[in-house]
Amino acid sequence: MQIIPAIDIRGGRCVRLVQGDYERETVFAEDPVSMARRWVDEGARRLHLVDLDGAREGRPVNADVVQRIVGSVGVPCQFGGGLRDDASLAVMLEQAGVERAIVGTQALKQPEWFRDAVARWPGRIVLGLDARDSRVATDGWLDVSQVPALELAKSYARLPLAAIIYTNIANDGMLAGVDDSTFGDLEALAELGLPVLASGGVTSVDDVARLAEIHRRQPRLAGAIVGRALYEGTLKLADALAASTGFRPSQS
């Protein structure tokens, strides 16, 4: 099971938000490129890049920063934030060099366009399911729909998607761990047959170990995206990598 560090970019800097709230921002590094190199040096084999400005504005804003990260790290990068039309996807997939593009808002609002995009870039589009109370949130988490996340995923389960990312936004940035309901949602999503990445609230070795247990039952739970816990130091990347294989490091 992969452990994927998250690098959230706003105003060209590496930041983290609490529950997606732009008013609750912490800056962790002025240079996201150096932070990306740090995680790769510590063992990351994939990075999760988010353009927070782009998510809010509906178009990629920090594409230049992303391109510099991709050119510096030598590992695959996946990107989300403001990808709502063909032109934006082309910029990120064909110019910036990201391996995968994450689409959330338009998968709900423009299903035919989303299906066409997946067909145009098979194996390179990720369905981003951001949810509160298991219902889909859109537009940089500013709106919560009445559509169950699992139902939206089922409607796209036969497409050649690269993966599904499931984020419980109530947990994101809270350092409170992953709740039982989210573990259940993740296992249900994995049963659809597509690779699933857990996101939001992964805080401790215990969270990673429990995800690894689900992975052993359901290998389609393919990885976990970890953000604030790495930056705050509540979870070390080396310990997360170890726990993802079933080894539980001693806690000092």
C-alpha atoms as a PDB file:
ATOM      1  CA  MET A   1       0.000   0.000   0.000  1.00  0.00           C
ATOM      2  CA  GLN A   2       1.481   3.325  -1.069  1.00  0.00           C
ATOM      3  CA  ILE A   3       2.008   6.247   1.273  1.00  0.00           C
ATOM      4  CA  ILE A   4       1.680   9.467  -0.710  1.00  0.00           C
ATOM      5  CA  PRO A   5       2.728  12.803   0.832  1.00  0.00           C
ATOM      6  CA  ALA A   6       0.496  15.747  -0.034  1.00  0.00           C
ATOM      7  CA  ILE A   7       1.812  19.137  -1.071  1.00  0.00           C
ATOM      8  CA  ASP A   8      -0.880  21.804  -1.055  1.00  0.00           C
ATOM      9  CA  ILE A   9       0.076  24.988  -2.900  1.00  0.00           C
ATOM     10  CA  ARG A  10      -1.397  28.421  -2.326  1.00  0.00           C
ATOM     11  CA  GLY A  11       0.219  31.636  -3.427  1.00  0.00           C
ATOM     12  CA  GLY A  12       3.252  29.636  -4.548  1.00  0.00           C
ATOM     13  CA  ARG A  13       3.873  28.309  -1.025  1.00  0.00           C
ATOM     14  CA  CYS A  14       3.403  24.925   0.656  1.00  0.00           C
ATOM     15  CA  VAL A  15       0.462  25.243   3.054  1.00  0.00           C
ATOM     16  CA  ARG A  16      -2.194  23.181   4.806  1.00  0.00           C
ATOM     17  CA  LEU A  17      -5.796  24.075   5.516  1.00  0.00           C
ATOM     18  CA  VAL A  18      -8.115  22.768   8.231  1.00  0.00           C
ATOM     19  CA  GLN A  19     -11.218  21.094   6.744  1.00  0.00           C
ATOM     20  CA  GLY A  20     -10.576  22.948   3.494  1.00  0.00           C
ATOM     21  CA  ASP A  21     -11.123  26.318   5.195  1.00  0.00           C
ATOM     22  CA  TYR A  22      -9.079  28.999   3.416  1.00  0.00           C
ATOM     23  CA  GLU A  23      -9.220  31.148   6.554  1.00  0.00           C
ATOM     24  CA  ARG A  24      -7.459  28.423   8.577  1.00  0.00           C
ATOM     25  CA  GLU A  25      -4.161  28.182   6.744  1.00  0.00           C
ATOM     26  CA  THR A  26      -0.710  27.241   8.004  1.00  0.00           C
ATOM     27  CA  VAL A  27       2.358  27.899   5.841  1.00  0.00           C
ATOM     28  CA  PHE A  28       4.886  25.074   6.126  1.00  0.00           C
ATOM     29  CA  ALA A  29       7.391  26.049   3.440  1.00  0.00           C
ATOM     30  CA  GLU A  30       8.039  28.970   1.138  1.00  0.00           C
ATOM     31  CA  ASP A  31       9.352  26.589  -1.547  1.00  0.00           C
ATOM     32  CA  PRO A  32       7.141  23.592  -2.412  1.00  0.00           C
ATOM     33  CA  VAL A  33       9.876  22.190  -4.658  1.00  0.00           C
ATOM     34  CA  SER A  34      12.277  21.696  -1.766  1.00  0.00           C
ATOM     35  CA  MET A  35       9.490  20.109   0.277  1.00  0.00           C
ATOM     36  CA  ALA A  36       8.741  17.710  -2.561  1.00  0.00           C
ATOM     37  CA  ARG A  37      12.391  16.716  -2.742  1.00  0.00           C
ATOM     38  CA  ARG A  38      12.406  16.129   1.013  1.00  0.00           C
ATOM     39  CA  TRP A  39       9.559  13.610   0.858  1.00  0.00           C
ATOM     40  CA  VAL A  40      11.158  11.769  -2.056  1.00  0.00           C
ATOM     41  CA  ASP A  41      14.496  11.675  -0.226  1.00  0.00           C
ATOM     42  CA  GLU A  42      12.656  10.130   2.738  1.00  0.00           C
ATOM     43  CA  GLY A  43      11.184   7.359   0.604  1.00  0.00           C
ATOM     44  CA  ALA A  44       8.017   8.623  -1.116  1.00  0.00           C
ATOM     45  CA  ARG A  45       7.402   7.019  -4.489  1.00  0.00           C
ATOM     46  CA  ARG A  46       4.493   9.238  -5.521  1.00  0.00           C
ATOM     47  CA  LEU A  47       3.407  12.778  -4.624  1.00  0.00           C
ATOM     48  CA  HIS A  48      -0.056  14.318  -4.357  1.00  0.00           C
ATOM     49  CA  LEU A  49      -0.093  17.949  -5.493  1.00  0.00           C
ATOM     50  CA  VAL A  50      -3.052  20.266  -4.903  1.00  0.00           C
ATOM     51  CA  ASP A  51      -3.531  23.771  -6.293  1.00  0.00           C
ATOM     52  CA  LEU A  52      -5.689  25.409  -3.621  1.00  0.00           C
ATOM     53  CA  ASP A  53      -5.899  28.647  -5.598  1.00  0.00           C
ATOM     54  CA  GLY A  54      -7.014  26.640  -8.592  1.00  0.00           C
ATOM     55  CA  ALA A  55      -9.705  24.779  -6.660  1.00  0.00           C
ATOM     56  CA  ARG A  56     -11.185  28.106  -5.648  1.00  0.00           C
ATOM     57  CA  GLU A  57     -10.893  29.832  -9.030  1.00  0.00           C
ATOM     58  CA  GLY A  58     -11.875  26.891 -11.230  1.00  0.00           C
ATOM     59  CA  ARG A  59      -8.633  26.783 -13.213  1.00  0.00           C
ATOM     60  CA  PRO A  60      -5.019  25.822 -12.425  1.00  0.00           C
ATOM     61  CA  VAL A  61      -3.175  28.805 -10.969  1.00  0.00           C
ATOM     62  CA  ASN A  62       0.116  27.296  -9.767  1.00  0.00           C
ATOM     63  CA  ALA A  63       0.943  25.228 -12.852  1.00  0.00           C
ATOM     64  CA  ASP A  64       4.466  26.678 -12.986  1.00  0.00           C
ATOM     65  CA  VAL A  65       5.203  25.473  -9.442  1.00  0.00           C
ATOM     66  CA  VAL A  66       3.809  22.038 -10.268  1.00  0.00           C
ATOM     67  CA  GLN A  67       5.947  21.814 -13.389  1.00  0.00           C
ATOM     68  CA  ARG A  68       9.059  22.630 -11.359  1.00  0.00           C
ATOM     69  CA  ILE A  69       8.181  19.939  -8.826  1.00  0.00           C
ATOM     70  CA  VAL A  70       7.608  17.324 -11.527  1.00  0.00           C
ATOM     71  CA  GLY A  71      10.920  18.216 -13.138  1.00  0.00           C
ATOM     72  CA  SER A  72      12.784  17.938  -9.848  1.00  0.00           C
ATOM     73  CA  VAL A  73      11.604  14.811  -8.069  1.00  0.00           C
ATOM     74  CA  GLY A  74      11.821  11.869 -10.469  1.00  0.00           C
ATOM     75  CA  VAL A  75       8.669  10.165  -9.143  1.00  0.00           C
ATOM     76  CA  PRO A  76       5.102  10.195 -10.529  1.00  0.00           C
ATOM     77  CA  CYS A  77       2.934  13.102  -9.399  1.00  0.00           C
ATOM     78  CA  GLN A  78      -0.825  13.394  -9.329  1.00  0.00           C
ATOM     79  CA  PHE A  79      -2.487  16.783  -9.415  1.00  0.00           C
ATOM     80  CA  GLY A  80      -5.827  18.308  -8.489  1.00  0.00           C
ATOM     81  CA  GLY A  81      -7.312  21.760  -8.196  1.00  0.00           C
ATOM     82  CA  GLY A  82      -9.413  23.595 -10.756  1.00  0.00           C
ATOM     83  CA  LEU A  83      -9.411  20.942 -13.474  1.00  0.00           C
ATOM     84  CA  ARG A  84     -12.783  21.657 -15.045  1.00  0.00           C
ATOM     85  CA  ASP A  85     -12.207  21.693 -18.811  1.00  0.00           C
ATOM     86  CA  ASP A  86     -10.153  20.038 -21.554  1.00  0.00           C
ATOM     87  CA  ALA A  87      -7.697  22.908 -21.760  1.00  0.00           C
ATOM     88  CA  SER A  88      -6.788  22.654 -18.074  1.00  0.00           C
ATOM     89  CA  LEU A  89      -6.332  18.902 -18.317  1.00  0.00           C
ATOM     90  CA  ALA A  90      -4.102  19.300 -21.365  1.00  0.00           C
ATOM     91  CA  VAL A  91      -1.942  21.889 -19.601  1.00  0.00           C
ATOM     92  CA  MET A  92      -1.325  19.651 -16.604  1.00  0.00           C
ATOM     93  CA  LEU A  93      -1.075  16.260 -18.330  1.00  0.00           C
ATOM     94  CA  GLU A  94       0.728  17.283 -21.491  1.00  0.00           C
ATOM     95  CA  GLN A  95       2.734  20.347 -20.484  1.00  0.00           C
ATOM     96  CA  ALA A  96       3.296  20.277 -16.728  1.00  0.00           C
ATOM     97  CA  GLY A  97       4.019  16.560 -16.886  1.00  0.00           C
ATOM     98  CA  VAL A  98       1.848  15.179 -14.098  1.00  0.00           C
ATOM     99  CA  GLU A  99       1.067  11.492 -14.439  1.00  0.00           C
ATOM    100  CA  ARG A 100      -2.519  11.752 -13.201  1.00  0.00           C
ATOM    101  CA  ALA A 101      -5.105  14.523 -13.090  1.00  0.00           C
ATOM    102  CA  ILE A 102      -7.760  14.565 -10.360  1.00  0.00           C
ATOM    103  CA  VAL A 103     -11.248  15.744 -11.262  1.00  0.00           C
ATOM    104  CA  GLY A 104     -13.912  16.235  -8.616  1.00  0.00           C
ATOM    105  CA  THR A 105     -16.385  19.061  -9.198  1.00  0.00           C
ATOM    106  CA  GLN A 106     -17.023  18.398 -12.889  1.00  0.00           C
ATOM    107  CA  ALA A 107     -17.479  14.665 -12.335  1.00  0.00           C
ATOM    108  CA  LEU A 108     -20.653  15.604 -10.477  1.00  0.00           C
ATOM    109  CA  LYS A 109     -21.735  18.652 -12.475  1.00  0.00           C
ATOM    110  CA  GLN A 110     -20.738  17.641 -16.018  1.00  0.00           C
ATOM    111  CA  PRO A 111     -20.876  13.824 -16.214  1.00  0.00           C
ATOM    112  CA  GLU A 112     -20.773  13.583 -20.013  1.00  0.00           C
ATOM    113  CA  TRP A 113     -17.732  15.837 -20.205  1.00  0.00           C
ATOM    114  CA  PHE A 114     -16.075  13.753 -17.482  1.00  0.00           C
ATOM    115  CA  ARG A 115     -16.724  10.515 -19.375  1.00  0.00           C
ATOM    116  CA  ASP A 116     -15.279  12.032 -22.547  1.00  0.00           C
ATOM    117  CA  ALA A 117     -12.181  13.230 -20.647  1.00  0.00           C
ATOM    118  CA  VAL A 118     -11.556   9.764 -19.234  1.00  0.00           C
ATOM    119  CA  ALA A 119     -11.874   8.297 -22.719  1.00  0.00           C
ATOM    120  CA  ARG A 120      -9.445  10.911 -24.084  1.00  0.00           C
ATOM    121  CA  TRP A 121      -6.867  10.243 -21.352  1.00  0.00           C
ATOM    122  CA  PRO A 122      -7.459   6.606 -20.309  1.00  0.00           C
ATOM    123  CA  GLY A 123      -5.649   5.567 -17.150  1.00  0.00           C
ATOM    124  CA  ARG A 124      -4.669   9.143 -16.328  1.00  0.00           C
ATOM    125  CA  ILE A 125      -7.822  10.652 -14.808  1.00  0.00           C
ATOM    126  CA  VAL A 126      -8.567  10.201 -11.109  1.00  0.00           C
ATOM    127  CA  LEU A 127     -12.074  10.610  -9.717  1.00  0.00           C
ATOM    128  CA  GLY A 128     -11.785  12.872  -6.689  1.00  0.00           C
ATOM    129  CA  LEU A 129     -14.551  12.177  -4.187  1.00  0.00           C
ATOM    130  CA  ASP A 130     -14.520  14.843  -1.509  1.00  0.00           C
ATOM    131  CA  ALA A 131     -17.292  14.107   0.956  1.00  0.00           C
ATOM    132  CA  ARG A 132     -18.961  15.316   4.110  1.00  0.00           C
ATOM    133  CA  ASP A 133     -21.273  12.809   5.809  1.00  0.00           C
ATOM    134  CA  SER A 134     -20.574  10.547   2.808  1.00  0.00           C
ATOM    135  CA  ARG A 135     -22.040  13.114   0.371  1.00  0.00           C
ATOM    136  CA  VAL A 136     -20.084  14.779  -2.427  1.00  0.00           C
ATOM    137  CA  ALA A 137     -18.623  18.255  -1.874  1.00  0.00           C
ATOM    138  CA  THR A 138     -17.578  20.441  -4.802  1.00  0.00           C
ATOM    139  CA  ASP A 139     -16.022  23.793  -5.750  1.00  0.00           C
ATOM    140  CA  GLY A 140     -13.053  23.585  -3.409  1.00  0.00           C
ATOM    141  CA  TRP A 141     -15.301  22.007  -0.730  1.00  0.00           C
ATOM    142  CA  LEU A 142     -17.447  25.149  -0.614  1.00  0.00           C
ATOM    143  CA  ASP A 143     -20.664  23.310  -1.575  1.00  0.00           C
ATOM    144  CA  VAL A 144     -22.002  19.969  -0.318  1.00  0.00           C
ATOM    145  CA  SER A 145     -24.464  18.151  -2.571  1.00  0.00           C
ATOM    146  CA  GLN A 146     -27.078  15.552  -1.703  1.00  0.00           C
ATOM    147  CA  VAL A 147     -25.358  12.947  -3.907  1.00  0.00           C
ATOM    148  CA  PRO A 148     -23.856   9.975  -2.003  1.00  0.00           C
ATOM    149  CA  ALA A 149     -20.181   9.556  -2.855  1.00  0.00           C
ATOM    150  CA  LEU A 150     -20.561   5.806  -3.327  1.00  0.00           C
ATOM    151  CA  GLU A 151     -23.388   6.302  -5.837  1.00  0.00           C
ATOM    152  CA  LEU A 152     -21.306   8.736  -7.895  1.00  0.00           C
ATOM    153  CA  ALA A 153     -18.402   6.285  -7.870  1.00  0.00           C
ATOM    154  CA  LYS A 154     -20.666   3.444  -9.010  1.00  0.00           C
ATOM    155  CA  SER A 155     -21.789   5.490 -11.999  1.00  0.00           C
ATOM    156  CA  TYR A 156     -18.185   5.663 -13.225  1.00  0.00           C
ATOM    157  CA  ALA A 157     -16.902   2.271 -12.072  1.00  0.00           C
ATOM    158  CA  ARG A 158     -16.624   0.832 -15.603  1.00  0.00           C
ATOM    159  CA  LEU A 159     -14.545   3.691 -16.973  1.00  0.00           C
ATOM    160  CA  PRO A 160     -10.745   3.399 -17.454  1.00  0.00           C
ATOM    161  CA  LEU A 161     -10.012   5.601 -14.444  1.00  0.00           C
ATOM    162  CA  ALA A 162      -6.566   5.647 -12.876  1.00  0.00           C
ATOM    163  CA  ALA A 163      -8.011   5.611  -9.352  1.00  0.00           C
ATOM    164  CA  ILE A 164     -10.549   7.061  -6.936  1.00  0.00           C
ATOM    165  CA  ILE A 165      -9.428   9.376  -4.144  1.00  0.00           C
ATOM    166  CA  TYR A 166     -11.830   9.530  -1.215  1.00  0.00           C
ATOM    167  CA  THR A 167     -11.481  12.433   1.215  1.00  0.00           C
ATOM    168  CA  ASN A 168     -13.667  12.879   4.265  1.00  0.00           C
ATOM    169  CA  ILE A 169     -13.342  16.648   4.553  1.00  0.00           C
ATOM    170  CA  ALA A 170     -14.592  16.633   8.146  1.00  0.00           C
ATOM    171  CA  ASN A 171     -11.354  14.847   9.072  1.00  0.00           C
ATOM    172  CA  ASP A 172      -8.977  16.706   6.795  1.00  0.00           C
ATOM    173  CA  GLY A 173      -6.317  18.680   8.642  1.00  0.00           C
ATOM    174  CA  MET A 174      -7.822  17.927  12.054  1.00  0.00           C
ATOM    175  CA  LEU A 175      -5.145  15.458  13.241  1.00  0.00           C
ATOM    176  CA  ALA A 176      -7.946  13.445  14.836  1.00  0.00           C
ATOM    177  CA  GLY A 177      -7.505  10.214  12.903  1.00  0.00           C
ATOM    178  CA  VAL A 178      -9.730   8.324  10.482  1.00  0.00           C
ATOM    179  CA  ASP A 179     -13.204   7.485  11.791  1.00  0.00           C
ATOM    180  CA  ASP A 180     -14.973   4.130  11.469  1.00  0.00           C
ATOM    181  CA  SER A 181     -17.467   5.447   8.916  1.00  0.00           C
ATOM    182  CA  THR A 182     -14.657   6.507   6.597  1.00  0.00           C
ATOM    183  CA  PHE A 183     -12.946   3.124   6.882  1.00  0.00           C
ATOM    184  CA  GLY A 184     -16.256   1.552   5.864  1.00  0.00           C
ATOM    185  CA  ASP A 185     -16.685   3.914   2.918  1.00  0.00           C
ATOM    186  CA  LEU A 186     -13.168   3.157   1.707  1.00  0.00           C
ATOM    187  CA  GLU A 187     -13.731  -0.600   1.782  1.00  0.00           C
ATOM    188  CA  ALA A 188     -17.050  -0.234  -0.058  1.00  0.00           C
ATOM    189  CA  LEU A 189     -15.390   1.891  -2.737  1.00  0.00           C
ATOM    190  CA  ALA A 190     -12.563  -0.615  -3.154  1.00  0.00           C
ATOM    191  CA  GLU A 191     -15.124  -3.339  -3.828  1.00  0.00           C
ATOM    192  CA  LEU A 192     -16.127  -1.499  -7.015  1.00  0.00           C
ATOM    193  CA  GLY A 193     -12.924  -2.748  -8.649  1.00  0.00           C
ATOM    194  CA  LEU A 194     -10.936   0.471  -9.096  1.00  0.00           C
ATOM    195  CA  PRO A 195      -7.830   1.456  -7.106  1.00  0.00           C
ATOM    196  CA  VAL A 196      -8.812   3.631  -4.140  1.00  0.00           C
ATOM    197  CA  LEU A 197      -6.642   6.110  -2.244  1.00  0.00           C
ATOM    198  CA  ALA A 198      -7.598   7.206   1.265  1.00  0.00           C
ATOM    199  CA  SER A 199      -7.268  10.898   2.089  1.00  0.00           C
ATOM    200  CA  GLY A 200      -8.217  13.108   5.009  1.00  0.00           C
ATOM    201  CA  GLY A 201      -7.369  12.481   8.625  1.00  0.00           C
ATOM    202  CA  VAL A 202      -4.526   9.970   8.318  1.00  0.00           C
ATOM    203  CA  THR A 203      -2.730  10.984  11.491  1.00  0.00           C
ATOM    204  CA  SER A 204      -0.989   8.064  13.173  1.00  0.00           C
ATOM    205  CA  VAL A 205       0.714   4.728  12.697  1.00  0.00           C
ATOM    206  CA  ASP A 206      -2.531   3.139  13.900  1.00  0.00           C
ATOM    207  CA  ASP A 207      -4.464   4.796  11.049  1.00  0.00           C
ATOM    208  CA  VAL A 208      -1.976   3.472   8.506  1.00  0.00           C
ATOM    209  CA  ALA A 209      -1.948   0.009  10.083  1.00  0.00           C
ATOM    210  CA  ARG A 210      -5.733  -0.205   9.928  1.00  0.00           C
ATOM    211  CA  LEU A 211      -5.730   0.859   6.292  1.00  0.00           C
ATOM    212  CA  ALA A 212      -3.087  -1.797   5.643  1.00  0.00           C
ATOM    213  CA  GLU A 213      -5.362  -4.398   7.244  1.00  0.00           C
ATOM    214  CA  ILE A 214      -8.152  -3.414   4.855  1.00  0.00           C
ATOM    215  CA  HIS A 215      -5.648  -3.524   1.979  1.00  0.00           C
ATOM    216  CA  ARG A 216      -4.821  -7.134   2.829  1.00  0.00           C
ATOM    217  CA  ARG A 217      -8.527  -8.034   2.588  1.00  0.00           C
ATOM    218  CA  GLN A 218      -9.211  -5.735  -0.331  1.00  0.00           C
ATOM    219  CA  PRO A 219      -6.032  -4.951  -2.314  1.00  0.00           C
ATOM    220  CA  ARG A 220      -7.858  -2.287  -4.328  1.00  0.00           C
ATOM    221  CA  LEU A 221      -7.377   0.003  -1.345  1.00  0.00           C
ATOM    222  CA  ALA A 222      -4.089   0.960  -2.904  1.00  0.00           C
ATOM    223  CA  GLY A 223      -2.729   3.810  -0.812  1.00  0.00           C
ATOM    224  CA  ALA A 224      -3.094   6.654   1.637  1.00  0.00           C
ATOM    225  CA  ILE A 225      -2.448  10.358   1.108  1.00  0.00           C
ATOM    226  CA  VAL A 226      -0.898  11.980   4.172  1.00  0.00           C
ATOM    227  CA  GLY A 227      -0.657  15.718   4.693  1.00  0.00           C
ATOM    228  CA  ARG A 228      -0.746  17.698   7.908  1.00  0.00           C
ATOM    229  CA  ALA A 229       0.409  14.786  10.092  1.00  0.00           C
ATOM    230  CA  LEU A 230       3.732  14.730   8.233  1.00  0.00           C
ATOM    231  CA  TYR A 231       4.171  18.488   8.504  1.00  0.00           C
ATOM    232  CA  GLU A 232       3.251  18.632  12.187  1.00  0.00           C
ATOM    233  CA  GLY A 233       5.372  15.582  12.997  1.00  0.00           C
ATOM    234  CA  THR A 234       2.612  13.428  14.470  1.00  0.00           C
ATOM    235  CA  LEU A 235       3.511  10.831  11.855  1.00  0.00           C
ATOM    236  CA  LYS A 236       6.951  10.281  10.367  1.00  0.00           C
ATOM    237  CA  LEU A 237       7.082   9.205   6.749  1.00  0.00           C
ATOM    238  CA  ALA A 238       9.428   6.325   7.562  1.00  0.00           C
ATOM    239  CA  ASP A 239       6.989   5.016  10.192  1.00  0.00           C
ATOM    240  CA  ALA A 240       4.049   5.341   7.807  1.00  0.00           C
ATOM    241  CA  LEU A 241       5.938   3.449   5.114  1.00  0.00           C
ATOM    242  CA  ALA A 242       6.776   0.704   7.596  1.00  0.00           C
ATOM    243  CA  ALA A 243       3.195   0.453   8.874  1.00  0.00           C
ATOM    244  CA  SER A 244       1.897   0.215   5.321  1.00  0.00           C
ATOM    245  CA  THR A 245       3.719  -3.111   4.984  1.00  0.00           C
ATOM    246  CA  GLY A 246       2.345  -4.470   8.253  1.00  0.00           C
ATOM    247  CA  PHE A 247       5.329  -3.549  10.445  1.00  0.00           C
ATOM    248  CA  ARG A 248       4.434  -1.378  13.437  1.00  0.00           C
ATOM    249  CA  PRO A 249       7.448   0.689  14.520  1.00  0.00           C
ATOM    250  CA  SER A 250       8.007   1.300  18.213  1.00  0.00           C
ATOM    251  CA  GLN A 251       6.750   4.692  19.358  1.00  0.00           C
ATOM    252  CA  SER A 252       9.119   6.904  21.331  1.00  0.00           C
END
